[in-house]
Amino acid sequence: MKRSLRFFIETLGMKLVEQAGEGWAVIDAGGGFRIALHAARADGPQPGQIGGMSIGLEVKGNFDETIGIYENRGMVFRVVKNPRVMMAFFADPDGNPFYMSKAVRA
């Protein structure tokens, strides 16, 4: 949980809103959107297990500049660009999948 908090706050630049002990926290992702982080439970998915879903974050500004900012903070991306969308796939410190995307406007 500590690694995840550092990742969202220090690497992605989000803000901690609330935290209860070591197992629960709420992060402000901006634009009125919040992310709740919960520590893994014995009866649930464990860190790094890839499920049927990943979380996407929409890039509002320049895609390449945004990805460059996070690469300078140590993040590693697999970037895919096609005529409709640009996507940068990455994982948090526990191996959970995420992506950043920006629609290409014609």
PDB file of N, CA and C in Angstrom:
ATOM      1  N   MET A   1       0.827  -1.189   0.000  1.00  0.00           N
ATOM      2  CA  MET A   1       0.000   0.000   0.000  1.00  0.00           C
ATOM      3  C   MET A   1       0.873   1.255   0.000  1.00  0.00           C
ATOM      4  N   LYS A   2       1.961   1.213   0.748  1.00  0.00           N
ATOM      5  CA  LYS A   2       2.855   2.382   0.790  1.00  0.00           C
ATOM      6  C   LYS A   2       3.423   2.678  -0.596  1.00  0.00           C
ATOM      7  N   ARG A   3       3.822   1.618  -1.319  1.00  0.00           N
ATOM      8  CA  ARG A   3       4.355   1.817  -2.677  1.00  0.00           C
ATOM      9  C   ARG A   3       3.299   2.415  -3.592  1.00  0.00           C
ATOM     10  N   SER A   4       2.080   1.918  -3.494  1.00  0.00           N
ATOM     11  CA  SER A   4       1.000   2.441  -4.335  1.00  0.00           C
ATOM     12  C   SER A   4       0.723   3.905  -4.029  1.00  0.00           C
ATOM     13  N   LEU A   5       0.700   4.263  -2.753  1.00  0.00           N
ATOM     14  CA  LEU A   5       0.480   5.667  -2.382  1.00  0.00           C
ATOM     15  C   LEU A   5       1.579   6.553  -2.943  1.00  0.00           C
ATOM     16  N   ARG A   6       2.831   6.130  -2.792  1.00  0.00           N
ATOM     17  CA  ARG A   6       3.948   6.912  -3.342  1.00  0.00           C
ATOM     18  C   ARG A   6       3.802   7.065  -4.853  1.00  0.00           C
ATOM     19  N   PHE A   7       3.421   5.994  -5.532  1.00  0.00           N
ATOM     20  CA  PHE A   7       3.259   6.017  -6.983  1.00  0.00           C
ATOM     21  C   PHE A   7       2.207   7.044  -7.398  1.00  0.00           C
ATOM     22  N   PHE A   8       1.027   6.979  -6.817  1.00  0.00           N
ATOM     23  CA  PHE A   8      -0.052   7.896  -7.195  1.00  0.00           C
ATOM     24  C   PHE A   8       0.249   9.335  -6.797  1.00  0.00           C
ATOM     25  N   ILE A   9       0.866   9.536  -5.641  1.00  0.00           N
ATOM     26  CA  ILE A   9       1.112  10.893  -5.146  1.00  0.00           C
ATOM     27  C   ILE A   9       2.386  11.489  -5.737  1.00  0.00           C
ATOM     28  N   GLU A  10       3.505  10.788  -5.603  1.00  0.00           N
ATOM     29  CA  GLU A  10       4.791  11.342  -6.032  1.00  0.00           C
ATOM     30  C   GLU A  10       5.010  11.220  -7.538  1.00  0.00           C
ATOM     31  N   THR A  11       4.696  10.062  -8.110  1.00  0.00           N
ATOM     32  CA  THR A  11       4.966   9.857  -9.532  1.00  0.00           C
ATOM     33  C   THR A  11       3.890  10.487 -10.414  1.00  0.00           C
ATOM     34  N   LEU A  12       2.621  10.217 -10.107  1.00  0.00           N
ATOM     35  CA  LEU A  12       1.537  10.745 -10.934  1.00  0.00           C
ATOM     36  C   LEU A  12       1.091  12.138 -10.518  1.00  0.00           C
ATOM     37  N   GLY A  13       1.525  12.603  -9.347  1.00  0.00           N
ATOM     38  CA  GLY A  13       1.216  13.967  -8.919  1.00  0.00           C
ATOM     39  C   GLY A  13      -0.196  14.168  -8.392  1.00  0.00           C
ATOM     40  N   MET A  14      -0.850  13.088  -7.975  1.00  0.00           N
ATOM     41  CA  MET A  14      -2.190  13.208  -7.406  1.00  0.00           C
ATOM     42  C   MET A  14      -2.084  13.566  -5.925  1.00  0.00           C
ATOM     43  N   LYS A  15      -3.208  13.874  -5.297  1.00  0.00           N
ATOM     44  CA  LYS A  15      -3.192  14.322  -3.905  1.00  0.00           C
ATOM     45  C   LYS A  15      -3.926  13.340  -3.000  1.00  0.00           C
ATOM     46  N   LEU A  16      -3.346  13.092  -1.830  1.00  0.00           N
ATOM     47  CA  LEU A  16      -3.981  12.253  -0.825  1.00  0.00           C
ATOM     48  C   LEU A  16      -5.107  13.044  -0.177  1.00  0.00           C
ATOM     49  N   VAL A  17      -6.315  12.479  -0.168  1.00  0.00           N
ATOM     50  CA  VAL A  17      -7.475  13.131   0.429  1.00  0.00           C
ATOM     51  C   VAL A  17      -7.716  12.593   1.830  1.00  0.00           C
ATOM     52  N   GLU A  18      -7.625  11.276   1.959  1.00  0.00           N
ATOM     53  CA  GLU A  18      -7.960  10.632   3.224  1.00  0.00           C
ATOM     54  C   GLU A  18      -7.234   9.297   3.315  1.00  0.00           C
ATOM     55  N   GLN A  19      -6.853   8.915   4.528  1.00  0.00           N
ATOM     56  CA  GLN A  19      -6.197   7.631   4.730  1.00  0.00           C
ATOM     57  C   GLN A  19      -6.622   7.071   6.073  1.00  0.00           C
ATOM     58  N   ALA A  20      -6.912   5.772   6.104  1.00  0.00           N
ATOM     59  CA  ALA A  20      -7.266   5.081   7.338  1.00  0.00           C
ATOM     60  C   ALA A  20      -6.294   3.927   7.520  1.00  0.00           C
ATOM     61  N   GLY A  21      -5.316   4.122   8.369  1.00  0.00           N
ATOM     62  CA  GLY A  21      -4.323   3.085   8.615  1.00  0.00           C
ATOM     63  C   GLY A  21      -3.510   2.754   7.387  1.00  0.00           C
ATOM     64  N   GLU A  22      -3.089   1.494   7.318  1.00  0.00           N
ATOM     65  CA  GLU A  22      -2.237   1.034   6.216  1.00  0.00           C
ATOM     66  C   GLU A  22      -3.041   0.448   5.054  1.00  0.00           C
ATOM     67  N   GLY A  23      -4.367   0.261   5.236  1.00  0.00           N
ATOM     68  CA  GLY A  23      -5.101  -0.507   4.248  1.00  0.00           C
ATOM     69  C   GLY A  23      -6.100   0.223   3.386  1.00  0.00           C
ATOM     70  N   TRP A  24      -6.236   1.545   3.544  1.00  0.00           N
ATOM     71  CA  TRP A  24      -7.252   2.247   2.766  1.00  0.00           C
ATOM     72  C   TRP A  24      -6.866   3.703   2.594  1.00  0.00           C
ATOM     73  N   ALA A  25      -7.054   4.236   1.390  1.00  0.00           N
ATOM     74  CA  ALA A  25      -6.758   5.647   1.127  1.00  0.00           C
ATOM     75  C   ALA A  25      -7.593   6.125  -0.055  1.00  0.00           C
ATOM     76  N   VAL A  26      -7.829   7.433  -0.094  1.00  0.00           N
ATOM     77  CA  VAL A  26      -8.529   8.057  -1.214  1.00  0.00           C
ATOM     78  C   VAL A  26      -7.595   9.096  -1.820  1.00  0.00           C
ATOM     79  N   ILE A  27      -7.438   9.030  -3.144  1.00  0.00           N
ATOM     80  CA  ILE A  27      -6.560   9.916  -3.890  1.00  0.00           C
ATOM     81  C   ILE A  27      -7.415  10.810  -4.782  1.00  0.00           C
ATOM     82  N   ASP A  28      -7.108  12.102  -4.815  1.00  0.00           N
ATOM     83  CA  ASP A  28      -7.783  13.044  -5.715  1.00  0.00           C
ATOM     84  C   ASP A  28      -7.048  13.029  -7.046  1.00  0.00           C
ATOM     85  N   ALA A  29      -7.741  12.556  -8.091  1.00  0.00           N
ATOM     86  CA  ALA A  29      -7.140  12.457  -9.418  1.00  0.00           C
ATOM     87  C   ALA A  29      -7.387  13.702 -10.254  1.00  0.00           C
ATOM     88  N   GLY A  30      -8.102  14.686  -9.696  1.00  0.00           N
ATOM     89  CA  GLY A  30      -8.395  15.919 -10.421  1.00  0.00           C
ATOM     90  C   GLY A  30      -9.722  15.848 -11.145  1.00  0.00           C
ATOM     91  N   GLY A  31     -10.266  17.003 -11.445  1.00  0.00           N
ATOM     92  CA  GLY A  31     -11.516  17.075 -12.187  1.00  0.00           C
ATOM     93  C   GLY A  31     -12.699  16.457 -11.463  1.00  0.00           C
ATOM     94  N   GLY A  32     -12.636  16.415 -10.134  1.00  0.00           N
ATOM     95  CA  GLY A  32     -13.717  15.831  -9.355  1.00  0.00           C
ATOM     96  C   GLY A  32     -13.686  14.319  -9.280  1.00  0.00           C
ATOM     97  N   PHE A  33     -12.631  13.703  -9.796  1.00  0.00           N
ATOM     98  CA  PHE A  33     -12.513  12.246  -9.810  1.00  0.00           C
ATOM     99  C   PHE A  33     -11.596  11.792  -8.692  1.00  0.00           C
ATOM    100  N   ARG A  34     -12.018  10.790  -7.933  1.00  0.00           N
ATOM    101  CA  ARG A  34     -11.202  10.249  -6.846  1.00  0.00           C
ATOM    102  C   ARG A  34     -11.005   8.753  -7.045  1.00  0.00           C
ATOM    103  N   ILE A  35      -9.864   8.270  -6.574  1.00  0.00           N
ATOM    104  CA  ILE A  35      -9.532   6.853  -6.646  1.00  0.00           C
ATOM    105  C   ILE A  35      -9.400   6.338  -5.224  1.00  0.00           C
ATOM    106  N   ALA A  36     -10.118   5.261  -4.907  1.00  0.00           N
ATOM    107  CA  ALA A  36      -9.993   4.625  -3.596  1.00  0.00           C
ATOM    108  C   ALA A  36      -9.028   3.451  -3.724  1.00  0.00           C
ATOM    109  N   LEU A  37      -8.029   3.423  -2.880  1.00  0.00           N
ATOM    110  CA  LEU A  37      -7.060   2.329  -2.860  1.00  0.00           C
ATOM    111  C   LEU A  37      -7.346   1.454  -1.647  1.00  0.00           C
ATOM    112  N   HIS A  38      -7.433   0.158  -1.875  1.00  0.00           N
ATOM    113  CA  HIS A  38      -7.685  -0.792  -0.797  1.00  0.00           C
ATOM    114  C   HIS A  38      -6.576  -1.832  -0.823  1.00  0.00           C
ATOM    115  N   ALA A  39      -6.051  -2.165   0.336  1.00  0.00           N
ATOM    116  CA  ALA A  39      -5.039  -3.221   0.405  1.00  0.00           C
ATOM    117  C   ALA A  39      -5.687  -4.545   0.006  1.00  0.00           C
ATOM    118  N   ALA A  40      -4.896  -5.434  -0.581  1.00  0.00           N
ATOM    119  CA  ALA A  40      -5.401  -6.744  -0.988  1.00  0.00           C
ATOM    120  C   ALA A  40      -5.855  -7.537   0.233  1.00  0.00           C
ATOM    121  N   ARG A  41      -6.953  -8.273   0.056  1.00  0.00           N
ATOM    122  CA  ARG A  41      -7.447  -9.157   1.109  1.00  0.00           C
ATOM    123  C   ARG A  41      -7.144 -10.588   0.706  1.00  0.00           C
ATOM    124  N   ALA A  42      -7.066 -11.469   1.673  1.00  0.00           N
ATOM    125  CA  ALA A  42      -6.744 -12.869   1.402  1.00  0.00           C
ATOM    126  C   ALA A  42      -7.755 -13.515   0.454  1.00  0.00           C
ATOM    127  N   ASP A  43      -9.022 -13.082   0.499  1.00  0.00           N
ATOM    128  CA  ASP A  43     -10.051 -13.697  -0.334  1.00  0.00           C
ATOM    129  C   ASP A  43     -10.279 -12.963  -1.658  1.00  0.00           C
ATOM    130  N   GLY A  44      -9.411 -12.013  -1.993  1.00  0.00           N
ATOM    131  CA  GLY A  44      -9.561 -11.252  -3.230  1.00  0.00           C
ATOM    132  C   GLY A  44      -8.331 -11.356  -4.105  1.00  0.00           C
ATOM    133  N   PRO A  45      -8.336 -10.650  -5.251  1.00  0.00           N
ATOM    134  CA  PRO A  45      -7.161 -10.646  -6.124  1.00  0.00           C
ATOM    135  C   PRO A  45      -5.931 -10.116  -5.386  1.00  0.00           C
ATOM    136  N   GLN A  46      -4.809 -10.717  -5.663  1.00  0.00           N
ATOM    137  CA  GLN A  46      -3.569 -10.307  -5.021  1.00  0.00           C
ATOM    138  C   GLN A  46      -2.817  -9.329  -5.919  1.00  0.00           C
ATOM    139  N   PRO A  47      -1.955  -8.486  -5.337  1.00  0.00           N
ATOM    140  CA  PRO A  47      -1.199  -7.524  -6.140  1.00  0.00           C
ATOM    141  C   PRO A  47      -0.479  -8.210  -7.298  1.00  0.00           C
ATOM    142  N   GLY A  48      -0.572  -7.597  -8.460  1.00  0.00           N
ATOM    143  CA  GLY A  48       0.118  -8.110  -9.634  1.00  0.00           C
ATOM    144  C   GLY A  48      -0.670  -9.122 -10.438  1.00  0.00           C
ATOM    145  N   GLN A  49      -1.790  -9.612  -9.897  1.00  0.00           N
ATOM    146  CA  GLN A  49      -2.626 -10.522 -10.672  1.00  0.00           C
ATOM    147  C   GLN A  49      -3.433  -9.695 -11.665  1.00  0.00           C
ATOM    148  N   ILE A  50      -3.315 -10.040 -12.898  1.00  0.00           N
ATOM    149  CA  ILE A  50      -4.024  -9.285 -13.921  1.00  0.00           C
ATOM    150  C   ILE A  50      -5.422  -9.869 -14.091  1.00  0.00           C
ATOM    151  N   GLY A  51      -6.408  -9.003 -13.953  1.00  0.00           N
ATOM    152  CA  GLY A  51      -7.794  -9.421 -14.111  1.00  0.00           C
ATOM    153  C   GLY A  51      -8.304  -9.076 -15.491  1.00  0.00           C
ATOM    154  N   GLY A  52      -9.607  -8.952 -15.616  1.00  0.00           N
ATOM    155  CA  GLY A  52     -10.212  -8.678 -16.904  1.00  0.00           C
ATOM    156  C   GLY A  52     -10.394  -7.197 -17.174  1.00  0.00           C
ATOM    157  N   MET A  53      -9.774  -6.337 -16.385  1.00  0.00           N
ATOM    158  CA  MET A  53      -9.991  -4.906 -16.527  1.00  0.00           C
ATOM    159  C   MET A  53      -8.706  -4.148 -16.222  1.00  0.00           C
ATOM    160  N   SER A  54      -8.525  -3.029 -16.890  1.00  0.00           N
ATOM    161  CA  SER A  54      -7.455  -2.104 -16.520  1.00  0.00           C
ATOM    162  C   SER A  54      -8.067  -0.716 -16.424  1.00  0.00           C
ATOM    163  N   ILE A  55      -7.362   0.200 -15.807  1.00  0.00           N
ATOM    164  CA  ILE A  55      -7.867   1.551 -15.596  1.00  0.00           C
ATOM    165  C   ILE A  55      -7.158   2.500 -16.543  1.00  0.00           C
ATOM    166  N   GLY A  56      -7.933   3.313 -17.236  1.00  0.00           N
ATOM    167  CA  GLY A  56      -7.379   4.277 -18.171  1.00  0.00           C
ATOM    168  C   GLY A  56      -7.489   5.698 -17.657  1.00  0.00           C
ATOM    169  N   LEU A  57      -6.479   6.490 -17.942  1.00  0.00           N
ATOM    170  CA  LEU A  57      -6.443   7.902 -17.582  1.00  0.00           C
ATOM    171  C   LEU A  57      -6.353   8.707 -18.871  1.00  0.00           C
ATOM    172  N   GLU A  58      -7.267   9.645 -19.058  1.00  0.00           N
ATOM    173  CA  GLU A  58      -7.284  10.443 -20.280  1.00  0.00           C
ATOM    174  C   GLU A  58      -6.288  11.590 -20.183  1.00  0.00           C
ATOM    175  N   VAL A  59      -5.473  11.746 -21.209  1.00  0.00           N
ATOM    176  CA  VAL A  59      -4.511  12.844 -21.286  1.00  0.00           C
ATOM    177  C   VAL A  59      -5.220  14.047 -21.905  1.00  0.00           C
ATOM    178  N   LYS A  60      -5.219  15.165 -21.197  1.00  0.00           N
ATOM    179  CA  LYS A  60      -5.886  16.377 -21.697  1.00  0.00           C
ATOM    180  C   LYS A  60      -4.956  17.228 -22.559  1.00  0.00           C
ATOM    181  N   GLY A  61      -3.669  17.280 -22.209  1.00  0.00           N
ATOM    182  CA  GLY A  61      -2.709  18.107 -22.930  1.00  0.00           C
ATOM    183  C   GLY A  61      -2.028  17.337 -24.046  1.00  0.00           C
ATOM    184  N   ASN A  62      -0.801  17.748 -24.365  1.00  0.00           N
ATOM    185  CA  ASN A  62       0.002  17.107 -25.396  1.00  0.00           C
ATOM    186  C   ASN A  62       0.410  15.709 -24.932  1.00  0.00           C
ATOM    187  N   PHE A  63       0.068  14.702 -25.707  1.00  0.00           N
ATOM    188  CA  PHE A  63       0.310  13.309 -25.326  1.00  0.00           C
ATOM    189  C   PHE A  63       1.796  13.026 -25.108  1.00  0.00           C
ATOM    190  N   ASP A  64       2.629  13.344 -26.099  1.00  0.00           N
ATOM    191  CA  ASP A  64       4.057  13.027 -26.007  1.00  0.00           C
ATOM    192  C   ASP A  64       4.729  13.765 -24.853  1.00  0.00           C
ATOM    193  N   GLU A  65       4.372  15.020 -24.641  1.00  0.00           N
ATOM    194  CA  GLU A  65       4.947  15.778 -23.524  1.00  0.00           C
ATOM    195  C   GLU A  65       4.527  15.184 -22.189  1.00  0.00           C
ATOM    196  N   THR A  66       3.269  14.790 -22.086  1.00  0.00           N
ATOM    197  CA  THR A  66       2.771  14.195 -20.844  1.00  0.00           C
ATOM    198  C   THR A  66       3.498  12.895 -20.536  1.00  0.00           C
ATOM    199  N   ILE A  67       3.626  12.030 -21.527  1.00  0.00           N
ATOM    200  CA  ILE A  67       4.328  10.762 -21.323  1.00  0.00           C
ATOM    201  C   ILE A  67       5.781  11.037 -20.943  1.00  0.00           C
ATOM    202  N   GLY A  68       6.409  12.019 -21.578  1.00  0.00           N
ATOM    203  CA  GLY A  68       7.792  12.386 -21.263  1.00  0.00           C
ATOM    204  C   GLY A  68       7.969  12.817 -19.819  1.00  0.00           C
ATOM    205  N   ILE A  69       7.006  13.550 -19.287  1.00  0.00           N
ATOM    206  CA  ILE A  69       7.074  13.977 -17.879  1.00  0.00           C
ATOM    207  C   ILE A  69       7.156  12.759 -16.971  1.00  0.00           C
ATOM    208  N   TYR A  70       6.302  11.775 -17.225  1.00  0.00           N
ATOM    209  CA  TYR A  70       6.276  10.590 -16.366  1.00  0.00           C
ATOM    210  C   TYR A  70       7.461   9.665 -16.626  1.00  0.00           C
ATOM    211  N   GLU A  71       7.972   9.625 -17.847  1.00  0.00           N
ATOM    212  CA  GLU A  71       9.196   8.858 -18.108  1.00  0.00           C
ATOM    213  C   GLU A  71      10.357   9.448 -17.318  1.00  0.00           C
ATOM    214  N   ASN A  72      10.407  10.765 -17.214  1.00  0.00           N
ATOM    215  CA  ASN A  72      11.459  11.414 -16.422  1.00  0.00           C
ATOM    216  C   ASN A  72      11.338  11.096 -14.938  1.00  0.00           C
ATOM    217  N   ARG A  73      10.161  10.663 -14.507  1.00  0.00           N
ATOM    218  CA  ARG A  73       9.947  10.260 -13.111  1.00  0.00           C
ATOM    219  C   ARG A  73      10.177   8.764 -12.918  1.00  0.00           C
ATOM    220  N   GLY A  74      10.644   8.090 -13.983  1.00  0.00           N
ATOM    221  CA  GLY A  74      11.001   6.683 -13.878  1.00  0.00           C
ATOM    222  C   GLY A  74       9.971   5.693 -14.386  1.00  0.00           C
ATOM    223  N   MET A  75       8.861   6.167 -14.915  1.00  0.00           N
ATOM    224  CA  MET A  75       7.852   5.243 -15.425  1.00  0.00           C
ATOM    225  C   MET A  75       8.274   4.686 -16.779  1.00  0.00           C
ATOM    226  N   VAL A  76       7.856   3.450 -17.050  1.00  0.00           N
ATOM    227  CA  VAL A  76       8.150   2.778 -18.313  1.00  0.00           C
ATOM    228  C   VAL A  76       6.817   2.515 -19.014  1.00  0.00           C
ATOM    229  N   PHE A  77       6.745   2.874 -20.289  1.00  0.00           N
ATOM    230  CA  PHE A  77       5.513   2.749 -21.062  1.00  0.00           C
ATOM    231  C   PHE A  77       5.716   1.871 -22.284  1.00  0.00           C
ATOM    232  N   ARG A  78       4.626   1.254 -22.733  1.00  0.00           N
ATOM    233  CA  ARG A  78       4.545   0.650 -24.062  1.00  0.00           C
ATOM    234  C   ARG A  78       3.543   1.520 -24.808  1.00  0.00           C
ATOM    235  N   VAL A  79       4.035   2.294 -25.766  1.00  0.00           N
ATOM    236  CA  VAL A  79       3.200   3.269 -26.468  1.00  0.00           C
ATOM    237  C   VAL A  79       2.687   2.673 -27.779  1.00  0.00           C
ATOM    238  N   VAL A  80       1.395   2.861 -28.017  1.00  0.00           N
ATOM    239  CA  VAL A  80       0.745   2.419 -29.248  1.00  0.00           C
ATOM    240  C   VAL A  80      -0.006   3.617 -29.818  1.00  0.00           C
ATOM    241  N   LYS A  81       0.263   3.921 -31.082  1.00  0.00           N
ATOM    242  CA  LYS A  81      -0.436   5.032 -31.741  1.00  0.00           C
ATOM    243  C   LYS A  81      -1.077   4.513 -33.016  1.00  0.00           C
ATOM    244  N   ASN A  82      -2.337   4.880 -33.212  1.00  0.00           N
ATOM    245  CA  ASN A  82      -3.004   4.562 -34.465  1.00  0.00           C
ATOM    246  C   ASN A  82      -3.787   5.800 -34.894  1.00  0.00           C
ATOM    247  N   PRO A  83      -4.462   5.769 -36.032  1.00  0.00           N
ATOM    248  CA  PRO A  83      -5.136   6.980 -36.511  1.00  0.00           C
ATOM    249  C   PRO A  83      -6.222   7.535 -35.580  1.00  0.00           C
ATOM    250  N   ARG A  84      -6.742   6.728 -34.656  1.00  0.00           N
ATOM    251  CA  ARG A  84      -7.835   7.190 -33.798  1.00  0.00           C
ATOM    252  C   ARG A  84      -7.434   7.508 -32.365  1.00  0.00           C
ATOM    253  N   VAL A  85      -6.409   6.834 -31.850  1.00  0.00           N
ATOM    254  CA  VAL A  85      -6.060   7.009 -30.436  1.00  0.00           C
ATOM    255  C   VAL A  85      -4.575   6.734 -30.204  1.00  0.00           C
ATOM    256  N   MET A  86      -4.015   7.448 -29.236  1.00  0.00           N
ATOM    257  CA  MET A  86      -2.648   7.192 -28.778  1.00  0.00           C
ATOM    258  C   MET A  86      -2.778   6.630 -27.366  1.00  0.00           C
ATOM    259  N   MET A  87      -2.062   5.540 -27.092  1.00  0.00           N
ATOM    260  CA  MET A  87      -2.155   4.900 -25.785  1.00  0.00           C
ATOM    261  C   MET A  87      -0.768   4.593 -25.254  1.00  0.00           C
ATOM    262  N   ALA A  88      -0.610   4.750 -23.945  1.00  0.00           N
ATOM    263  CA  ALA A  88       0.644   4.421 -23.271  1.00  0.00           C
ATOM    264  C   ALA A  88       0.304   3.486 -22.117  1.00  0.00           C
ATOM    265  N   PHE A  89       0.679   2.227 -22.255  1.00  0.00           N
ATOM    266  CA  PHE A  89       0.377   1.214 -21.247  1.00  0.00           C
ATOM    267  C   PHE A  89       1.492   1.176 -20.208  1.00  0.00           C
ATOM    268  N   PHE A  90       1.103   1.014 -18.940  1.00  0.00           N
ATOM    269  CA  PHE A  90       2.082   0.944 -17.856  1.00  0.00           C
ATOM    270  C   PHE A  90       1.494   0.151 -16.703  1.00  0.00           C
ATOM    271  N   ALA A  91       2.302  -0.102 -15.695  1.00  0.00           N
ATOM    272  CA  ALA A  91       1.851  -0.815 -14.500  1.00  0.00           C
ATOM    273  C   ALA A  91       2.279  -0.040 -13.267  1.00  0.00           C
ATOM    274  N   ASP A  92       1.495  -0.196 -12.204  1.00  0.00           N
ATOM    275  CA  ASP A  92       1.897   0.413 -10.935  1.00  0.00           C
ATOM    276  C   ASP A  92       2.955  -0.481 -10.288  1.00  0.00           C
ATOM    277  N   PRO A  93       3.503  -0.112  -9.137  1.00  0.00           N
ATOM    278  CA  PRO A  93       4.571  -0.911  -8.532  1.00  0.00           C
ATOM    279  C   PRO A  93       4.173  -2.351  -8.199  1.00  0.00           C
ATOM    280  N   ASP A  94       2.874  -2.643  -8.110  1.00  0.00           N
ATOM    281  CA  ASP A  94       2.417  -4.000  -7.822  1.00  0.00           C
ATOM    282  C   ASP A  94       2.060  -4.782  -9.078  1.00  0.00           C
ATOM    283  N   GLY A  95       2.271  -4.192 -10.252  1.00  0.00           N
ATOM    284  CA  GLY A  95       2.001  -4.880 -11.506  1.00  0.00           C
ATOM    285  C   GLY A  95       0.590  -4.729 -12.030  1.00  0.00           C
ATOM    286  N   ASN A  96      -0.227  -3.892 -11.397  1.00  0.00           N
ATOM    287  CA  ASN A  96      -1.591  -3.675 -11.878  1.00  0.00           C
ATOM    288  C   ASN A  96      -1.565  -2.844 -13.159  1.00  0.00           C
ATOM    289  N   PRO A  97      -2.335  -3.254 -14.189  1.00  0.00           N
ATOM    290  CA  PRO A  97      -2.273  -2.577 -15.482  1.00  0.00           C
ATOM    291  C   PRO A  97      -3.080  -1.282 -15.530  1.00  0.00           C
ATOM    292  N   PHE A  98      -2.503  -0.283 -16.182  1.00  0.00           N
ATOM    293  CA  PHE A  98      -3.137   1.012 -16.418  1.00  0.00           C
ATOM    294  C   PHE A  98      -2.773   1.460 -17.827  1.00  0.00           C
ATOM    295  N   TYR A  99      -3.446   2.484 -18.303  1.00  0.00           N
ATOM    296  CA  TYR A  99      -3.027   3.112 -19.549  1.00  0.00           C
ATOM    297  C   TYR A  99      -3.409   4.584 -19.531  1.00  0.00           C
ATOM    298  N   MET A 100      -2.672   5.375 -20.290  1.00  0.00           N
ATOM    299  CA  MET A 100      -3.012   6.766 -20.556  1.00  0.00           C
ATOM    300  C   MET A 100      -3.375   6.834 -22.031  1.00  0.00           C
ATOM    301  N   SER A 101      -4.402   7.609 -22.350  1.00  0.00           N
ATOM    302  CA  SER A 101      -4.825   7.674 -23.750  1.00  0.00           C
ATOM    303  C   SER A 101      -5.240   9.084 -24.141  1.00  0.00           C
ATOM    304  N   LYS A 102      -5.178   9.327 -25.430  1.00  0.00           N
ATOM    305  CA  LYS A 102      -5.654  10.590 -25.995  1.00  0.00           C
ATOM    306  C   LYS A 102      -6.225  10.290 -27.372  1.00  0.00           C
ATOM    307  N   ALA A 103      -7.463  10.706 -27.575  1.00  0.00           N
ATOM    308  CA  ALA A 103      -8.090  10.534 -28.883  1.00  0.00           C
ATOM    309  C   ALA A 103      -7.418  11.461 -29.883  1.00  0.00           C
ATOM    310  N   VAL A 104      -7.249  10.969 -31.100  1.00  0.00           N
ATOM    311  CA  VAL A 104      -6.677  11.767 -32.178  1.00  0.00           C
ATOM    312  C   VAL A 104      -7.832  12.448 -32.891  1.00  0.00           C
ATOM    313  N   ARG A 105      -7.790  13.751 -32.930  1.00  0.00           N
ATOM    314  CA  ARG A 105      -8.853  14.521 -33.590  1.00  0.00           C
ATOM    315  C   ARG A 105      -8.490  14.723 -35.055  1.00  0.00           C
ATOM    316  N   ALA A 106      -9.433  14.447 -35.921  1.00  0.00           N
ATOM    317  CA  ALA A 106      -9.186  14.590 -37.363  1.00  0.00           C
ATOM    318  C   ALA A 106      -9.300  16.035 -37.788  1.00  0.00           C
TER     319      ALA A 106
END
